């Protein structure tokens, strides 16, 4: 169980970081679209 935890934590952190990057990119894209629309 301990080994599984050591493997799972870095993977979940990695996927969390990827999700954050996607959100940031999406926010930038939406902001840019709004600026262009105005």
PDB file of N, CA and C in Angstrom:
ATOM      1  N   UNK A   1       0.831  -1.200   0.000  1.00  0.00           N
ATOM      2  CA  UNK A   1       0.000   0.000   0.000  1.00  0.00           C
ATOM      3  C   UNK A   1       0.870   1.255   0.000  1.00  0.00           C
ATOM      4  N   UNK A   2       1.976   1.204   0.749  1.00  0.00           N
ATOM      5  CA  UNK A   2       2.865   2.374   0.808  1.00  0.00           C
ATOM      6  C   UNK A   2       3.487   2.656  -0.556  1.00  0.00           C
ATOM      7  N   UNK A   3       3.900   1.581  -1.243  1.00  0.00           N
ATOM      8  CA  UNK A   3       4.499   1.738  -2.576  1.00  0.00           C
ATOM      9  C   UNK A   3       3.479   2.362  -3.532  1.00  0.00           C
ATOM     10  N   UNK A   4       2.245   1.888  -3.451  1.00  0.00           N
ATOM     11  CA  UNK A   4       1.196   2.423  -4.320  1.00  0.00           C
ATOM     12  C   UNK A   4       1.019   3.916  -4.080  1.00  0.00           C
ATOM     13  N   UNK A   5       1.037   4.318  -2.811  1.00  0.00           N
ATOM     14  CA  UNK A   5       0.899   5.734  -2.478  1.00  0.00           C
ATOM     15  C   UNK A   5       2.027   6.559  -3.059  1.00  0.00           C
ATOM     16  N   UNK A   6       3.243   6.020  -3.003  1.00  0.00           N
ATOM     17  CA  UNK A   6       4.400   6.749  -3.533  1.00  0.00           C
ATOM     18  C   UNK A   6       4.320   6.898  -5.048  1.00  0.00           C
ATOM     19  N   UNK A   7       3.667   5.948  -5.704  1.00  0.00           N
ATOM     20  CA  UNK A   7       3.506   6.029  -7.163  1.00  0.00           C
ATOM     21  C   UNK A   7       2.323   6.933  -7.513  1.00  0.00           C
ATOM     22  N   UNK A   8       1.232   6.787  -6.780  1.00  0.00           N
ATOM     23  CA  UNK A   8       0.000   7.490  -7.115  1.00  0.00           C
ATOM     24  C   UNK A   8       0.107   8.994  -6.878  1.00  0.00           C
ATOM     25  N   UNK A   9       0.799   9.403  -5.825  1.00  0.00           N
ATOM     26  CA  UNK A   9       0.854  10.833  -5.500  1.00  0.00           C
ATOM     27  C   UNK A   9       1.509  11.652  -6.611  1.00  0.00           C
ATOM     28  N   UNK A  10       2.700  11.262  -7.095  1.00  0.00           N
ATOM     29  CA  UNK A  10       3.301  12.050  -8.179  1.00  0.00           C
ATOM     30  C   UNK A  10       2.440  12.095  -9.436  1.00  0.00           C
ATOM     31  N   UNK A  11       1.760  10.998  -9.747  1.00  0.00           N
ATOM     32  CA  UNK A  11       0.902  10.955 -10.934  1.00  0.00           C
ATOM     33  C   UNK A  11      -0.270  11.915 -10.766  1.00  0.00           C
ATOM     34  N   UNK A  12      -0.897  11.917  -9.583  1.00  0.00           N
ATOM     35  CA  UNK A  12      -2.030  12.808  -9.360  1.00  0.00           C
ATOM     36  C   UNK A  12      -1.576  14.262  -9.378  1.00  0.00           C
ATOM     37  N   UNK A  13      -0.377  14.526  -8.851  1.00  0.00           N
ATOM     38  CA  UNK A  13       0.150  15.893  -8.909  1.00  0.00           C
ATOM     39  C   UNK A  13       0.384  16.309 -10.347  1.00  0.00           C
ATOM     40  N   UNK A  14       0.909  15.385 -11.142  1.00  0.00           N
ATOM     41  CA  UNK A  14       1.196  15.678 -12.549  1.00  0.00           C
ATOM     42  C   UNK A  14      -0.100  15.986 -13.295  1.00  0.00           C
ATOM     43  N   UNK A  15      -1.111  15.149 -13.114  1.00  0.00           N
ATOM     44  CA  UNK A  15      -2.372  15.360 -13.814  1.00  0.00           C
ATOM     45  C   UNK A  15      -3.054  16.632 -13.314  1.00  0.00           C
ATOM     46  N   UNK A  16      -2.886  16.943 -12.015  1.00  0.00           N
ATOM     47  CA  UNK A  16      -3.449  18.179 -11.472  1.00  0.00           C
ATOM     48  C   UNK A  16      -2.800  19.381 -12.142  1.00  0.00           C
ATOM     49  N   UNK A  17      -1.474  19.335 -12.283  1.00  0.00           N
ATOM     50  CA  UNK A  17      -0.758  20.429 -12.944  1.00  0.00           C
ATOM     51  C   UNK A  17      -1.217  20.579 -14.390  1.00  0.00           C
ATOM     52  N   UNK A  18      -1.435  19.454 -15.069  1.00  0.00           N
ATOM     53  CA  UNK A  18      -1.910  19.506 -16.452  1.00  0.00           C
ATOM     54  C   UNK A  18      -3.285  20.158 -16.517  1.00  0.00           C
ATOM     55  N   UNK A  19      -4.164  19.801 -15.582  1.00  0.00           N
ATOM     56  CA  UNK A  19      -5.495  20.395 -15.553  1.00  0.00           C
ATOM     57  C   UNK A  19      -5.403  21.901 -15.339  1.00  0.00           C
ATOM     58  N   UNK A  20      -4.508  22.324 -14.426  1.00  0.00           N
ATOM     59  CA  UNK A  20      -4.327  23.749 -14.159  1.00  0.00           C
ATOM     60  C   UNK A  20      -3.846  24.475 -15.409  1.00  0.00           C
ATOM     61  N   UNK A  21      -2.912  23.858 -16.131  1.00  0.00           N
ATOM     62  CA  UNK A  21      -2.396  24.468 -17.361  1.00  0.00           C
ATOM     63  C   UNK A  21      -3.512  24.615 -18.391  1.00  0.00           C
ATOM     64  N   UNK A  22      -4.350  23.597 -18.504  1.00  0.00           N
ATOM     65  CA  UNK A  22      -5.463  23.656 -19.454  1.00  0.00           C
ATOM     66  C   UNK A  22      -6.425  24.775 -19.071  1.00  0.00           C
ATOM     67  N   UNK A  23      -6.724  24.895 -17.769  1.00  0.00           N
ATOM     68  CA  UNK A  23      -7.616  25.949 -17.307  1.00  0.00           C
ATOM     69  C   UNK A  23      -7.025  27.315 -17.595  1.00  0.00           C
ATOM     70  N   UNK A  24      -5.739  27.485 -17.295  1.00  0.00           N
ATOM     71  CA  UNK A  24      -5.078  28.762 -17.551  1.00  0.00           C
ATOM     72  C   UNK A  24      -5.134  29.106 -19.029  1.00  0.00           C
ATOM     73  N   UNK A  25      -4.870  28.118 -19.881  1.00  0.00           N
ATOM     74  CA  UNK A  25      -4.900  28.338 -21.327  1.00  0.00           C
ATOM     75  C   UNK A  25      -6.302  28.734 -21.775  1.00  0.00           C
ATOM     76  N   UNK A  26      -7.294  28.053 -21.214  1.00  0.00           N
ATOM     77  CA  UNK A  26      -8.686  28.331 -21.574  1.00  0.00           C
ATOM     78  C   UNK A  26      -9.072  29.747 -21.154  1.00  0.00           C
ATOM     79  N   UNK A  27      -8.647  30.133 -19.939  1.00  0.00           N
ATOM     80  CA  UNK A  27      -8.946  31.481 -19.459  1.00  0.00           C
ATOM     81  C   UNK A  27      -8.311  32.531 -20.357  1.00  0.00           C
ATOM     82  N   UNK A  28      -7.058  32.300 -20.736  1.00  0.00           N
ATOM     83  CA  UNK A  28      -6.369  33.241 -21.631  1.00  0.00           C
ATOM     84  C   UNK A  28      -7.096  33.334 -22.962  1.00  0.00           C
ATOM     85  N   UNK A  29      -7.528  32.194 -23.467  1.00  0.00           N
ATOM     86  CA  UNK A  29      -8.216  32.159 -24.755  1.00  0.00           C
ATOM     87  C   UNK A  29      -9.536  32.923 -24.679  1.00  0.00           C
ATOM     88  N   UNK A  30     -10.297  32.700 -23.588  1.00  0.00           N
ATOM     89  CA  UNK A  30     -11.578  33.393 -23.408  1.00  0.00           C
ATOM     90  C   UNK A  30     -11.347  34.889 -23.285  1.00  0.00           C
ATOM     91  N   UNK A  31     -10.330  35.272 -22.501  1.00  0.00           N
ATOM     92  CA  UNK A  31     -10.012  36.689 -22.318  1.00  0.00           C
ATOM     93  C   UNK A  31      -9.661  37.322 -23.656  1.00  0.00           C
ATOM     94  N   UNK A  32      -8.837  36.636 -24.436  1.00  0.00           N
ATOM     95  CA  UNK A  32      -8.443  37.149 -25.750  1.00  0.00           C
ATOM     96  C   UNK A  32      -9.662  37.279 -26.656  1.00  0.00           C
ATOM     97  N   UNK A  33     -10.555  36.312 -26.617  1.00  0.00           N
ATOM     98  CA  UNK A  33     -11.758  36.347 -27.451  1.00  0.00           C
ATOM     99  C   UNK A  33     -12.626  37.538 -27.079  1.00  0.00           C
ATOM    100  N   UNK A  34     -12.760  37.789 -25.772  1.00  0.00           N
ATOM    101  CA  UNK A  34     -13.560  38.925 -25.315  1.00  0.00           C
ATOM    102  C   UNK A  34     -12.936  40.236 -25.768  1.00  0.00           C
ATOM    103  N   UNK A  35     -11.615  40.335 -25.673  1.00  0.00           N
ATOM    104  CA  UNK A  35     -10.928  41.556 -26.101  1.00  0.00           C
ATOM    105  C   UNK A  35     -11.137  41.788 -27.593  1.00  0.00           C
ATOM    106  N   UNK A  36     -11.070  40.710 -28.372  1.00  0.00           N
ATOM    107  CA  UNK A  36     -11.272  40.829 -29.819  1.00  0.00           C
ATOM    108  C   UNK A  36     -12.723  41.215 -30.119  1.00  0.00           C
ATOM    109  N   UNK A  37     -13.655  40.629 -29.379  1.00  0.00           N
ATOM    110  CA  UNK A  37     -15.074  40.897 -29.594  1.00  0.00           C
ATOM    111  C   UNK A  37     -15.393  42.366 -29.312  1.00  0.00           C
ATOM    112  N   UNK A  38     -14.738  42.926 -28.308  1.00  0.00           N
ATOM    113  CA  UNK A  38     -14.959  44.341 -27.984  1.00  0.00           C
ATOM    114  C   UNK A  38     -14.131  45.194 -28.927  1.00  0.00           C
TER     115      UNK A  38
END
